[in-house]
Amino acid sequence: MDITSAINTLLAICGGISIIGGAAAVIWKWIRPAVKMKDRVDQLERNVEKDYRNIEEIKKMQASMSRILIDIMDHQIYGNHTEKMEQDKRELLSLISES
C-alpha cells in the first residue's frame, strides 16, 4: 500500500465521519425544538395547577367575606345575628391563616 492509497483511505474515513456528524446535527435541529417545547408545556401545566388552587382559595375567601357582609347588613337592619357574625369571623380567620 502506498502513501496515496493510505491518504485516500484516511480521507474516506474523515468524509464518513463528517457525513454522520452532519446528519446527527440535522436530526438534533429537528428534535431540539420538540424537547424544548415539551419542557415548556410541563412547566406551564405546573403553573396552571398552582393558579387553579390559588383561584379556588380566592373563591372561598370571597364567599366567606360576602357572607360576613350579609351578616353585617342583617345586624344593621335587625340589630341581632351576633352569633352568626362570630362564627363567620372564626371561619374567615381560619381561611386567612391557611393562605
C-alpha atoms as a PDB file:
ATOM      1  CA  MET A   1       0.000   0.000   0.000  1.00  0.00           C
ATOM      2  CA  ASP A   2       1.484   3.252  -0.995  1.00  0.00           C
ATOM      3  CA  ILE A   3       1.089   6.676   0.561  1.00  0.00           C
ATOM      4  CA  THR A   4      -1.676   7.833  -1.820  1.00  0.00           C
ATOM      5  CA  SER A   5      -3.952   4.920  -1.033  1.00  0.00           C
ATOM      6  CA  ALA A   6      -3.376   5.493   2.708  1.00  0.00           C
ATOM      7  CA  ILE A   7      -4.300   9.176   2.310  1.00  0.00           C
ATOM      8  CA  ASN A   8      -7.379   8.242   0.243  1.00  0.00           C
ATOM      9  CA  THR A   9      -8.466   5.782   2.934  1.00  0.00           C
ATOM     10  CA  LEU A  10      -7.940   8.397   5.643  1.00  0.00           C
ATOM     11  CA  LEU A  11      -9.892  10.974   3.637  1.00  0.00           C
ATOM     12  CA  ALA A  12     -12.721   8.482   3.079  1.00  0.00           C
ATOM     13  CA  ILE A  13     -12.906   7.776   6.803  1.00  0.00           C
ATOM     14  CA  CYS A  14     -12.893  11.515   7.604  1.00  0.00           C
ATOM     15  CA  GLY A  15     -15.612  12.099   4.982  1.00  0.00           C
ATOM     16  CA  GLY A  16     -17.762   9.357   6.506  1.00  0.00           C
ATOM     17  CA  ILE A  17     -17.345  10.877   9.972  1.00  0.00           C
ATOM     18  CA  SER A  18     -18.304  14.334   8.708  1.00  0.00           C
ATOM     19  CA  ILE A  19     -21.389  12.954   6.913  1.00  0.00           C
ATOM     20  CA  ILE A  20     -22.506  11.135  10.075  1.00  0.00           C
ATOM     21  CA  GLY A  21     -21.846  14.263  12.158  1.00  0.00           C
ATOM     22  CA  GLY A  22     -23.806  16.421   9.717  1.00  0.00           C
ATOM     23  CA  ALA A  23     -26.740  14.017   9.758  1.00  0.00           C
ATOM     24  CA  ALA A  24     -26.676  13.987  13.554  1.00  0.00           C
ATOM     25  CA  ALA A  25     -26.664  17.812  13.596  1.00  0.00           C
ATOM     26  CA  VAL A  26     -29.675  17.955  11.261  1.00  0.00           C
ATOM     27  CA  ILE A  27     -31.573  15.398  13.342  1.00  0.00           C
ATOM     28  CA  TRP A  28     -30.735  17.317  16.543  1.00  0.00           C
ATOM     29  CA  LYS A  29     -32.034  20.543  14.986  1.00  0.00           C
ATOM     30  CA  TRP A  30     -35.336  18.789  14.271  1.00  0.00           C
ATOM     31  CA  ILE A  31     -35.643  17.162  17.683  1.00  0.00           C
ATOM     32  CA  ARG A  32     -34.375  20.003  19.876  1.00  0.00           C
ATOM     33  CA  PRO A  33     -37.418  22.329  19.474  1.00  0.00           C
ATOM     34  CA  ALA A  34     -39.744  19.450  20.352  1.00  0.00           C
ATOM     35  CA  VAL A  35     -37.742  18.694  23.502  1.00  0.00           C
ATOM     36  CA  LYS A  36     -37.719  22.363  24.499  1.00  0.00           C
ATOM     37  CA  MET A  37     -41.445  22.641  23.825  1.00  0.00           C
ATOM     38  CA  LYS A  38     -42.198  19.572  25.951  1.00  0.00           C
ATOM     39  CA  ASP A  39     -40.275  21.088  28.873  1.00  0.00           C
ATOM     40  CA  ARG A  40     -42.123  24.375  28.443  1.00  0.00           C
ATOM     41  CA  VAL A  41     -45.515  22.631  28.315  1.00  0.00           C
ATOM     42  CA  ASP A  42     -44.675  20.707  31.501  1.00  0.00           C
ATOM     43  CA  GLN A  43     -43.728  23.956  33.242  1.00  0.00           C
ATOM     44  CA  LEU A  44     -46.931  25.666  32.101  1.00  0.00           C
ATOM     45  CA  GLU A  45     -49.060  22.725  33.280  1.00  0.00           C
ATOM     46  CA  ARG A  46     -47.498  23.000  36.742  1.00  0.00           C
ATOM     47  CA  ASN A  47     -48.255  26.733  36.752  1.00  0.00           C
ATOM     48  CA  VAL A  48     -51.867  26.127  35.676  1.00  0.00           C
ATOM     49  CA  GLU A  49     -52.402  23.696  38.550  1.00  0.00           C
ATOM     50  CA  LYS A  50     -50.934  26.183  41.018  1.00  0.00           C
ATOM     51  CA  ASP A  51     -53.059  29.013  39.590  1.00  0.00           C
ATOM     52  CA  TYR A  52     -56.193  26.852  39.810  1.00  0.00           C
ATOM     53  CA  ARG A  53     -55.553  26.160  43.509  1.00  0.00           C
ATOM     54  CA  ASN A  54     -54.994  29.872  44.130  1.00  0.00           C
ATOM     55  CA  ILE A  55     -58.228  30.767  42.346  1.00  0.00           C
ATOM     56  CA  GLU A  56     -60.137  28.220  44.435  1.00  0.00           C
ATOM     57  CA  GLU A  57     -58.723  29.770  47.626  1.00  0.00           C
ATOM     58  CA  ILE A  58     -59.723  33.236  46.433  1.00  0.00           C
ATOM     59  CA  LYS A  59     -63.253  31.995  45.679  1.00  0.00           C
ATOM     60  CA  LYS A  60     -63.559  30.562  49.205  1.00  0.00           C
ATOM     61  CA  MET A  61     -62.315  33.810  50.707  1.00  0.00           C
ATOM     62  CA  GLN A  62     -64.741  35.905  48.646  1.00  0.00           C
ATOM     63  CA  ALA A  63     -67.678  33.675  49.581  1.00  0.00           C
ATOM     64  CA  SER A  64     -66.790  33.995  53.247  1.00  0.00           C
ATOM     65  CA  MET A  65     -66.422  37.768  53.001  1.00  0.00           C
ATOM     66  CA  SER A  66     -69.764  38.007  51.205  1.00  0.00           C
ATOM     67  CA  ARG A  67     -71.472  36.035  53.991  1.00  0.00           C
ATOM     68  CA  ILE A  68     -69.917  38.368  56.560  1.00  0.00           C
ATOM     69  CA  LEU A  69     -71.162  41.416  54.660  1.00  0.00           C
ATOM     70  CA  ILE A  70     -74.664  39.951  54.599  1.00  0.00           C
ATOM     71  CA  ASP A  71     -74.437  39.297  58.358  1.00  0.00           C
ATOM     72  CA  ILE A  72     -73.309  42.881  58.937  1.00  0.00           C
ATOM     73  CA  MET A  73     -76.249  44.171  56.910  1.00  0.00           C
ATOM     74  CA  ASP A  74     -78.624  41.914  58.874  1.00  0.00           C
ATOM     75  CA  HIS A  75     -77.137  43.221  62.101  1.00  0.00           C
ATOM     76  CA  GLN A  76     -77.563  46.833  60.945  1.00  0.00           C
ATOM     77  CA  ILE A  77     -81.142  46.196  59.870  1.00  0.00           C
ATOM     78  CA  TYR A  78     -82.399  43.905  62.666  1.00  0.00           C
ATOM     79  CA  GLY A  79     -79.870  44.513  65.441  1.00  0.00           C
ATOM     80  CA  ASN A  80     -79.092  40.853  66.114  1.00  0.00           C
ATOM     81  CA  HIS A  81     -77.276  37.925  64.464  1.00  0.00           C
ATOM     82  CA  THR A  82     -74.146  38.438  66.537  1.00  0.00           C
ATOM     83  CA  GLU A  83     -73.629  34.682  66.990  1.00  0.00           C
ATOM     84  CA  LYS A  84     -73.610  34.175  63.225  1.00  0.00           C
ATOM     85  CA  MET A  85     -71.155  37.054  62.843  1.00  0.00           C
ATOM     86  CA  GLU A  86     -68.816  35.456  65.399  1.00  0.00           C
ATOM     87  CA  GLN A  87     -68.993  32.113  63.596  1.00  0.00           C
ATOM     88  CA  ASP A  88     -68.255  33.738  60.224  1.00  0.00           C
ATOM     89  CA  LYS A  89     -65.399  35.695  61.780  1.00  0.00           C
ATOM     90  CA  ARG A  90     -63.800  32.473  63.014  1.00  0.00           C
ATOM     91  CA  GLU A  91     -64.210  30.927  59.566  1.00  0.00           C
ATOM     92  CA  LEU A  92     -62.674  33.964  57.875  1.00  0.00           C
ATOM     93  CA  LEU A  93     -59.747  33.941  60.302  1.00  0.00           C
ATOM     94  CA  SER A  94     -59.120  30.281  59.588  1.00  0.00           C
ATOM     95  CA  LEU A  95     -59.169  30.957  55.833  1.00  0.00           C
ATOM     96  CA  ILE A  96     -56.738  33.852  56.245  1.00  0.00           C
ATOM     97  CA  SER A  97     -54.382  31.820  58.414  1.00  0.00           C
ATOM     98  CA  GLU A  98     -54.321  28.939  55.874  1.00  0.00           C
ATOM     99  CA  SER A  99     -53.132  31.135  52.996  1.00  0.00           C
END
